[in-house]
Amino acid sequence: MRAPIFRGKVEKGRIVLDNKDRFRPYLASFEGKRIELVLRERVAREGNVPRGYYFGVVIPELTKANIGYEEYEWHDVLKEQFNVETTKKMADKEWWEYIDRIVRWAAIFHQINIPPPNSVDY
């Protein structure tokens, strides 16, 4: 699974994170371990943003819930669950509608809280 990306800015020589409440438990998980820290300027995202959120956040969150499917299986499981033949030709609006259905389903039927796209990096 890919490591999350935390956005923020530098103010007066200090890092100010957009979502420090999500960062703290992540940081704590590395207690006593050697780490790498990469700091770079954020560039505007190009391409299919909802698809990136789907594969970068939704699928990994469902996998972490450990309800019986591996990360590579979820895409097919969800297409079948929501009667979607293919996602290859979906426009952004269709992607967001599909994702919204998945997020609501995960919360209602599996008590999985998938973070909204504006609260995570992917």
Foldseek 3Di string as FASTA:
>chain_A
DDDWDWDADADPNDTDTPAVVVVVVVVVVQVPHDDDDDDDDDDDDDDQVLVCCCLVFVLVLVCVLVPPDHSVCVVVVLCVVVVNPDPVPDDNVRSVVSVVVSQVCCCVPPVGHGDDPVNTGD
